[in-house]
């Protein structure tokens, strides 16, 4: 999953092989912090993605049997 800021690519995930990939669904910027959400499809299932300035942030309360998609982000 990548995004562009001021014509510069920002690579947040390494999901770039033929077996899996990452997708961002939404990006929100506040006080120069870039928040991005989406998901990764891998051979073992779907994993939700949440990043702050390209750093993956852990999500709690999700089990491996659940299909979770993050579609939007809003920061107060």
PDB file of N, CA and C in Angstrom:
ATOM      1  N   UNK A   1       0.853  -1.181   0.000  1.00  0.00           N
ATOM      2  CA  UNK A   1       0.000   0.000   0.000  1.00  0.00           C
ATOM      3  C   UNK A   1       0.891   1.233   0.000  1.00  0.00           C
ATOM      4  N   UNK A   2       0.641   2.122  -0.915  1.00  0.00           N
ATOM      5  CA  UNK A   2       1.438   3.332  -1.076  1.00  0.00           C
ATOM      6  C   UNK A   2       0.521   4.541  -1.172  1.00  0.00           C
ATOM      7  N   UNK A   3       1.089   5.702  -0.908  1.00  0.00           N
ATOM      8  CA  UNK A   3       0.398   6.953  -1.205  1.00  0.00           C
ATOM      9  C   UNK A   3       1.443   7.976  -1.639  1.00  0.00           C
ATOM     10  N   UNK A   4       0.970   9.020  -2.293  1.00  0.00           N
ATOM     11  CA  UNK A   4       1.864  10.068  -2.764  1.00  0.00           C
ATOM     12  C   UNK A   4       1.598  11.358  -1.998  1.00  0.00           C
ATOM     13  N   UNK A   5       2.662  12.026  -1.590  1.00  0.00           N
ATOM     14  CA  UNK A   5       2.576  13.311  -0.921  1.00  0.00           C
ATOM     15  C   UNK A   5       3.586  14.234  -1.582  1.00  0.00           C
ATOM     16  N   UNK A   6       3.102  15.347  -2.135  1.00  0.00           N
ATOM     17  CA  UNK A   6       3.957  16.307  -2.840  1.00  0.00           C
ATOM     18  C   UNK A   6       4.797  15.621  -3.915  1.00  0.00           C
ATOM     19  N   UNK A   7       4.146  14.769  -4.712  1.00  0.00           N
ATOM     20  CA  UNK A   7       4.783  14.034  -5.821  1.00  0.00           C
ATOM     21  C   UNK A   7       5.862  13.062  -5.366  1.00  0.00           C
ATOM     22  N   UNK A   8       5.861  12.683  -4.106  1.00  0.00           N
ATOM     23  CA  UNK A   8       6.815  11.706  -3.588  1.00  0.00           C
ATOM     24  C   UNK A   8       6.051  10.486  -3.098  1.00  0.00           C
ATOM     25  N   UNK A   9       6.463   9.303  -3.550  1.00  0.00           N
ATOM     26  CA  UNK A   9       5.790   8.078  -3.115  1.00  0.00           C
ATOM     27  C   UNK A   9       6.201   7.735  -1.692  1.00  0.00           C
ATOM     28  N   UNK A  10       5.236   7.308  -0.907  1.00  0.00           N
ATOM     29  CA  UNK A  10       5.454   6.830   0.461  1.00  0.00           C
ATOM     30  C   UNK A  10       5.006   5.382   0.506  1.00  0.00           C
ATOM     31  N   UNK A  11       5.936   4.488   0.737  1.00  0.00           N
ATOM     32  CA  UNK A  11       5.638   3.061   0.765  1.00  0.00           C
ATOM     33  C   UNK A  11       5.449   2.638   2.217  1.00  0.00           C
ATOM     34  N   UNK A  12       4.256   2.129   2.520  1.00  0.00           N
ATOM     35  CA  UNK A  12       3.945   1.765   3.898  1.00  0.00           C
ATOM     36  C   UNK A  12       4.001   0.273   4.141  1.00  0.00           C
ATOM     37  N   UNK A  13       3.795  -0.517   3.113  1.00  0.00           N
ATOM     38  CA  UNK A  13       3.790  -1.962   3.300  1.00  0.00           C
ATOM     39  C   UNK A  13       4.682  -2.628   2.277  1.00  0.00           C
ATOM     40  N   UNK A  14       5.064  -3.839   2.554  1.00  0.00           N
ATOM     41  CA  UNK A  14       5.839  -4.633   1.615  1.00  0.00           C
ATOM     42  C   UNK A  14       4.972  -5.660   0.904  1.00  0.00           C
ATOM     43  N   UNK A  15       3.684  -5.400   0.810  1.00  0.00           N
ATOM     44  CA  UNK A  15       2.770  -6.327   0.155  1.00  0.00           C
ATOM     45  C   UNK A  15       2.828  -6.103  -1.343  1.00  0.00           C
ATOM     46  N   UNK A  16       3.897  -6.568  -1.963  1.00  0.00           N
ATOM     47  CA  UNK A  16       4.077  -6.291  -3.383  1.00  0.00           C
ATOM     48  C   UNK A  16       4.439  -7.533  -4.188  1.00  0.00           C
ATOM     49  N   UNK A  17       4.221  -8.719  -3.662  1.00  0.00           N
ATOM     50  CA  UNK A  17       4.508  -9.927  -4.425  1.00  0.00           C
ATOM     51  C   UNK A  17       3.235 -10.399  -5.102  1.00  0.00           C
ATOM     52  N   UNK A  18       3.353 -11.453  -5.866  1.00  0.00           N
ATOM     53  CA  UNK A  18       2.181 -12.008  -6.544  1.00  0.00           C
ATOM     54  C   UNK A  18       1.241 -12.712  -5.573  1.00  0.00           C
ATOM     55  N   UNK A  19       1.714 -13.014  -4.374  1.00  0.00           N
ATOM     56  CA  UNK A  19       0.904 -13.777  -3.428  1.00  0.00           C
ATOM     57  C   UNK A  19       0.044 -12.918  -2.517  1.00  0.00           C
ATOM     58  N   UNK A  20       0.381 -11.653  -2.347  1.00  0.00           N
ATOM     59  CA  UNK A  20      -0.402 -10.810  -1.454  1.00  0.00           C
ATOM     60  C   UNK A  20      -0.196  -9.341  -1.796  1.00  0.00           C
ATOM     61  N   UNK A  21      -1.082  -8.500  -1.292  1.00  0.00           N
ATOM     62  CA  UNK A  21      -1.006  -7.071  -1.580  1.00  0.00           C
ATOM     63  C   UNK A  21      -1.722  -6.285  -0.499  1.00  0.00           C
ATOM     64  N   UNK A  22      -1.414  -4.996  -0.396  1.00  0.00           N
ATOM     65  CA  UNK A  22      -2.062  -4.108   0.559  1.00  0.00           C
ATOM     66  C   UNK A  22      -2.790  -2.991  -0.158  1.00  0.00           C
ATOM     67  N   UNK A  23      -3.891  -2.552   0.433  1.00  0.00           N
ATOM     68  CA  UNK A  23      -4.713  -1.483  -0.148  1.00  0.00           C
ATOM     69  C   UNK A  23      -5.047  -0.481   0.947  1.00  0.00           C
ATOM     70  N   UNK A  24      -4.850   0.802   0.657  1.00  0.00           N
ATOM     71  CA  UNK A  24      -5.346   1.853   1.541  1.00  0.00           C
ATOM     72  C   UNK A  24      -6.720   2.272   1.059  1.00  0.00           C
ATOM     73  N   UNK A  25      -7.639   2.425   1.993  1.00  0.00           N
ATOM     74  CA  UNK A  25      -8.988   2.881   1.679  1.00  0.00           C
ATOM     75  C   UNK A  25      -9.210   4.343   2.057  1.00  0.00           C
ATOM     76  N   UNK A  26      -8.433   4.844   3.021  1.00  0.00           N
ATOM     77  CA  UNK A  26      -8.633   6.229   3.441  1.00  0.00           C
ATOM     78  C   UNK A  26      -7.352   6.764   4.056  1.00  0.00           C
ATOM     79  N   UNK A  27      -7.146   8.066   3.910  1.00  0.00           N
ATOM     80  CA  UNK A  27      -6.009   8.767   4.501  1.00  0.00           C
ATOM     81  C   UNK A  27      -6.530  10.050   5.127  1.00  0.00           C
ATOM     82  N   UNK A  28      -6.011  10.372   6.313  1.00  0.00           N
ATOM     83  CA  UNK A  28      -6.390  11.586   7.024  1.00  0.00           C
ATOM     84  C   UNK A  28      -5.110  12.217   7.556  1.00  0.00           C
ATOM     85  N   UNK A  29      -4.978  13.530   7.388  1.00  0.00           N
ATOM     86  CA  UNK A  29      -3.790  14.238   7.868  1.00  0.00           C
ATOM     87  C   UNK A  29      -4.215  15.269   8.899  1.00  0.00           C
ATOM     88  N   UNK A  30      -3.528  15.247  10.041  1.00  0.00           N
ATOM     89  CA  UNK A  30      -3.787  16.232  11.087  1.00  0.00           C
ATOM     90  C   UNK A  30      -2.468  16.535  11.784  1.00  0.00           C
ATOM     91  N   UNK A  31      -2.142  17.812  11.880  1.00  0.00           N
ATOM     92  CA  UNK A  31      -0.911  18.263  12.538  1.00  0.00           C
ATOM     93  C   UNK A  31       0.314  17.516  12.006  1.00  0.00           C
ATOM     94  N   UNK A  32       0.388  17.397  10.682  1.00  0.00           N
ATOM     95  CA  UNK A  32       1.504  16.750   9.983  1.00  0.00           C
ATOM     96  C   UNK A  32       1.656  15.265  10.289  1.00  0.00           C
ATOM     97  N   UNK A  33       0.640  14.634  10.850  1.00  0.00           N
ATOM     98  CA  UNK A  33       0.635  13.189  11.033  1.00  0.00           C
ATOM     99  C   UNK A  33      -0.306  12.592   9.996  1.00  0.00           C
ATOM    100  N   UNK A  34       0.192  11.622   9.241  1.00  0.00           N
ATOM    101  CA  UNK A  34      -0.602  10.961   8.218  1.00  0.00           C
ATOM    102  C   UNK A  34      -1.156   9.664   8.798  1.00  0.00           C
ATOM    103  N   UNK A  35      -2.472   9.566   8.864  1.00  0.00           N
ATOM    104  CA  UNK A  35      -3.158   8.359   9.323  1.00  0.00           C
ATOM    105  C   UNK A  35      -3.719   7.659   8.085  1.00  0.00           C
ATOM    106  N   UNK A  36      -3.471   6.375   7.943  1.00  0.00           N
ATOM    107  CA  UNK A  36      -3.987   5.648   6.794  1.00  0.00           C
ATOM    108  C   UNK A  36      -4.522   4.295   7.249  1.00  0.00           C
ATOM    109  N   UNK A  37      -5.602   3.864   6.603  1.00  0.00           N
ATOM    110  CA  UNK A  37      -6.224   2.586   6.934  1.00  0.00           C
ATOM    111  C   UNK A  37      -6.541   1.827   5.654  1.00  0.00           C
ATOM    112  N   UNK A  38      -6.589   0.519   5.790  1.00  0.00           N
ATOM    113  CA  UNK A  38      -6.929  -0.350   4.675  1.00  0.00           C
ATOM    114  C   UNK A  38      -6.829  -1.797   5.103  1.00  0.00           C
ATOM    115  N   UNK A  39      -6.376  -2.633   4.172  1.00  0.00           N
ATOM    116  CA  UNK A  39      -6.249  -4.052   4.488  1.00  0.00           C
ATOM    117  C   UNK A  39      -5.221  -4.694   3.574  1.00  0.00           C
ATOM    118  N   UNK A  40      -4.762  -5.863   3.979  1.00  0.00           N
ATOM    119  CA  UNK A  40      -3.848  -6.668   3.173  1.00  0.00           C
ATOM    120  C   UNK A  40      -4.495  -8.012   2.919  1.00  0.00           C
ATOM    121  N   UNK A  41      -4.457  -8.443   1.678  1.00  0.00           N
ATOM    122  CA  UNK A  41      -4.889  -9.797   1.335  1.00  0.00           C
ATOM    123  C   UNK A  41      -3.646 -10.651   1.208  1.00  0.00           C
ATOM    124  N   UNK A  42      -3.594 -11.709   1.996  1.00  0.00           N
ATOM    125  CA  UNK A  42      -2.451 -12.617   1.995  1.00  0.00           C
ATOM    126  C   UNK A  42      -2.941 -14.032   1.736  1.00  0.00           C
ATOM    127  N   UNK A  43      -2.050 -14.947   1.467  1.00  0.00           N
ATOM    128  CA  UNK A  43      -2.481 -16.341   1.268  1.00  0.00           C
ATOM    129  C   UNK A  43      -3.212 -16.925   2.479  1.00  0.00           C
ATOM    130  N   UNK A  44      -2.975 -16.384   3.664  1.00  0.00           N
ATOM    131  CA  UNK A  44      -3.624 -16.917   4.865  1.00  0.00           C
ATOM    132  C   UNK A  44      -4.871 -16.153   5.271  1.00  0.00           C
ATOM    133  N   UNK A  45      -5.232 -15.067   4.565  1.00  0.00           N
ATOM    134  CA  UNK A  45      -6.443 -14.322   4.901  1.00  0.00           C
ATOM    135  C   UNK A  45      -6.269 -12.831   4.760  1.00  0.00           C
ATOM    136  N   UNK A  46      -7.214 -12.106   5.310  1.00  0.00           N
ATOM    137  CA  UNK A  46      -7.222 -10.649   5.228  1.00  0.00           C
ATOM    138  C   UNK A  46      -6.801 -10.068   6.568  1.00  0.00           C
ATOM    139  N   UNK A  47      -5.920  -9.074   6.524  1.00  0.00           N
ATOM    140  CA  UNK A  47      -5.417  -8.433   7.727  1.00  0.00           C
ATOM    141  C   UNK A  47      -5.705  -6.941   7.647  1.00  0.00           C
ATOM    142  N   UNK A  48      -6.329  -6.340   8.674  1.00  0.00           N
ATOM    143  CA  UNK A  48      -6.552  -4.901   8.654  1.00  0.00           C
ATOM    144  C   UNK A  48      -5.227  -4.155   8.821  1.00  0.00           C
ATOM    145  N   UNK A  49      -5.114  -2.997   8.161  1.00  0.00           N
ATOM    146  CA  UNK A  49      -3.912  -2.164   8.245  1.00  0.00           C
ATOM    147  C   UNK A  49      -4.261  -0.800   8.813  1.00  0.00           C
ATOM    148  N   UNK A  50      -3.452  -0.326   9.745  1.00  0.00           N
ATOM    149  CA  UNK A  50      -3.593   1.016  10.299  1.00  0.00           C
ATOM    150  C   UNK A  50      -2.185   1.556  10.499  1.00  0.00           C
ATOM    151  N   UNK A  51      -1.901   2.711   9.926  1.00  0.00           N
ATOM    152  CA  UNK A  51      -0.568   3.310   9.980  1.00  0.00           C
ATOM    153  C   UNK A  51      -0.634   4.752  10.460  1.00  0.00           C
ATOM    154  N   UNK A  52       0.402   5.182  11.180  1.00  0.00           N
ATOM    155  CA  UNK A  52       0.637   6.586  11.491  1.00  0.00           C
ATOM    156  C   UNK A  52       2.012   6.917  10.944  1.00  0.00           C
ATOM    157  N   UNK A  53       2.057   7.841   9.965  1.00  0.00           N
ATOM    158  CA  UNK A  53       3.318   8.208   9.308  1.00  0.00           C
ATOM    159  C   UNK A  53       4.103   6.978   8.861  1.00  0.00           C
ATOM    160  N   UNK A  54       3.434   6.066   8.177  1.00  0.00           N
ATOM    161  CA  UNK A  54       4.021   4.850   7.603  1.00  0.00           C
ATOM    162  C   UNK A  54       4.484   3.835   8.640  1.00  0.00           C
ATOM    163  N   UNK A  55       4.148   4.031   9.906  1.00  0.00           N
ATOM    164  CA  UNK A  55       4.504   3.072  10.948  1.00  0.00           C
ATOM    165  C   UNK A  55       3.258   2.249  11.262  1.00  0.00           C
ATOM    166  N   UNK A  56       3.326   0.918  11.111  1.00  0.00           N
ATOM    167  CA  UNK A  56       2.143   0.105  11.416  1.00  0.00           C
ATOM    168  C   UNK A  56       1.778   0.183  12.888  1.00  0.00           C
ATOM    169  N   UNK A  57       0.502   0.344  13.143  1.00  0.00           N
ATOM    170  CA  UNK A  57      -0.001   0.427  14.507  1.00  0.00           C
ATOM    171  C   UNK A  57      -0.817  -0.832  14.795  1.00  0.00           C
ATOM    172  N   UNK A  58      -0.620  -1.440  15.957  1.00  0.00           N
ATOM    173  CA  UNK A  58      -1.354  -2.666  16.278  1.00  0.00           C
ATOM    174  C   UNK A  58      -2.831  -2.388  16.539  1.00  0.00           C
ATOM    175  N   UNK A  59      -3.647  -3.350  16.171  1.00  0.00           N
ATOM    176  CA  UNK A  59      -5.080  -3.301  16.441  1.00  0.00           C
ATOM    177  C   UNK A  59      -5.404  -4.433  17.401  1.00  0.00           C
ATOM    178  N   UNK A  60      -6.172  -4.135  18.434  1.00  0.00           N
ATOM    179  CA  UNK A  60      -6.498  -5.161  19.422  1.00  0.00           C
ATOM    180  C   UNK A  60      -7.929  -5.651  19.232  1.00  0.00           C
ATOM    181  N   UNK A  61      -8.204  -6.812  19.790  1.00  0.00           N
ATOM    182  CA  UNK A  61      -9.564  -7.341  19.782  1.00  0.00           C
ATOM    183  C   UNK A  61      -9.961  -8.047  18.507  1.00  0.00           C
ATOM    184  N   UNK A  62      -9.012  -8.346  17.630  1.00  0.00           N
ATOM    185  CA  UNK A  62      -9.321  -9.012  16.367  1.00  0.00           C
ATOM    186  C   UNK A  62      -8.742 -10.419  16.418  1.00  0.00           C
ATOM    187  N   UNK A  63      -9.573 -11.403  16.088  1.00  0.00           N
ATOM    188  CA  UNK A  63      -9.098 -12.786  16.062  1.00  0.00           C
ATOM    189  C   UNK A  63      -8.827 -13.218  14.624  1.00  0.00           C
ATOM    190  N   UNK A  64      -8.097 -14.297  14.462  1.00  0.00           N
ATOM    191  CA  UNK A  64      -7.747 -14.777  13.129  1.00  0.00           C
ATOM    192  C   UNK A  64      -8.953 -15.324  12.374  1.00  0.00           C
ATOM    193  N   UNK A  65     -10.059 -15.577  13.048  1.00  0.00           N
ATOM    194  CA  UNK A  65     -11.248 -16.098  12.376  1.00  0.00           C
ATOM    195  C   UNK A  65     -12.161 -14.981  11.858  1.00  0.00           C
ATOM    196  N   UNK A  66     -11.869 -13.728  12.192  1.00  0.00           N
ATOM    197  CA  UNK A  66     -12.701 -12.607  11.761  1.00  0.00           C
ATOM    198  C   UNK A  66     -12.155 -11.999  10.476  1.00  0.00           C
ATOM    199  N   UNK A  67     -13.065 -11.542   9.617  1.00  0.00           N
ATOM    200  CA  UNK A  67     -12.674 -10.769   8.446  1.00  0.00           C
ATOM    201  C   UNK A  67     -12.935  -9.304   8.773  1.00  0.00           C
ATOM    202  N   UNK A  68     -11.878  -8.524   8.867  1.00  0.00           N
ATOM    203  CA  UNK A  68     -11.989  -7.123   9.259  1.00  0.00           C
ATOM    204  C   UNK A  68     -11.429  -6.254   8.146  1.00  0.00           C
ATOM    205  N   UNK A  69     -12.192  -5.250   7.732  1.00  0.00           N
ATOM    206  CA  UNK A  69     -11.742  -4.279   6.742  1.00  0.00           C
ATOM    207  C   UNK A  69     -11.865  -2.894   7.339  1.00  0.00           C
ATOM    208  N   UNK A  70     -10.812  -2.114   7.271  1.00  0.00           N
ATOM    209  CA  UNK A  70     -10.853  -0.721   7.704  1.00  0.00           C
ATOM    210  C   UNK A  70     -11.089   0.122   6.458  1.00  0.00           C
ATOM    211  N   UNK A  71     -12.183   0.872   6.457  1.00  0.00           N
ATOM    212  CA  UNK A  71     -12.565   1.617   5.261  1.00  0.00           C
ATOM    213  C   UNK A  71     -12.403   3.115   5.401  1.00  0.00           C
ATOM    214  N   UNK A  72     -12.357   3.640   6.633  1.00  0.00           N
ATOM    215  CA  UNK A  72     -12.306   5.075   6.805  1.00  0.00           C
ATOM    216  C   UNK A  72     -11.612   5.408   8.120  1.00  0.00           C
ATOM    217  N   UNK A  73     -11.032   6.605   8.184  1.00  0.00           N
ATOM    218  CA  UNK A  73     -10.390   7.074   9.398  1.00  0.00           C
ATOM    219  C   UNK A  73     -10.728   8.541   9.589  1.00  0.00           C
ATOM    220  N   UNK A  74     -11.005   8.907  10.834  1.00  0.00           N
ATOM    221  CA  UNK A  74     -11.221  10.310  11.201  1.00  0.00           C
ATOM    222  C   UNK A  74     -10.546  10.537  12.542  1.00  0.00           C
ATOM    223  N   UNK A  75      -9.814  11.611  12.653  1.00  0.00           N
ATOM    224  CA  UNK A  75      -9.056  11.911  13.874  1.00  0.00           C
ATOM    225  C   UNK A  75      -9.588  13.215  14.453  1.00  0.00           C
ATOM    226  N   UNK A  76      -9.918  13.206  15.742  1.00  0.00           N
ATOM    227  CA  UNK A  76     -10.399  14.427  16.397  1.00  0.00           C
ATOM    228  C   UNK A  76      -9.251  15.236  16.929  1.00  0.00           C
TER     229      UNK A  76
END
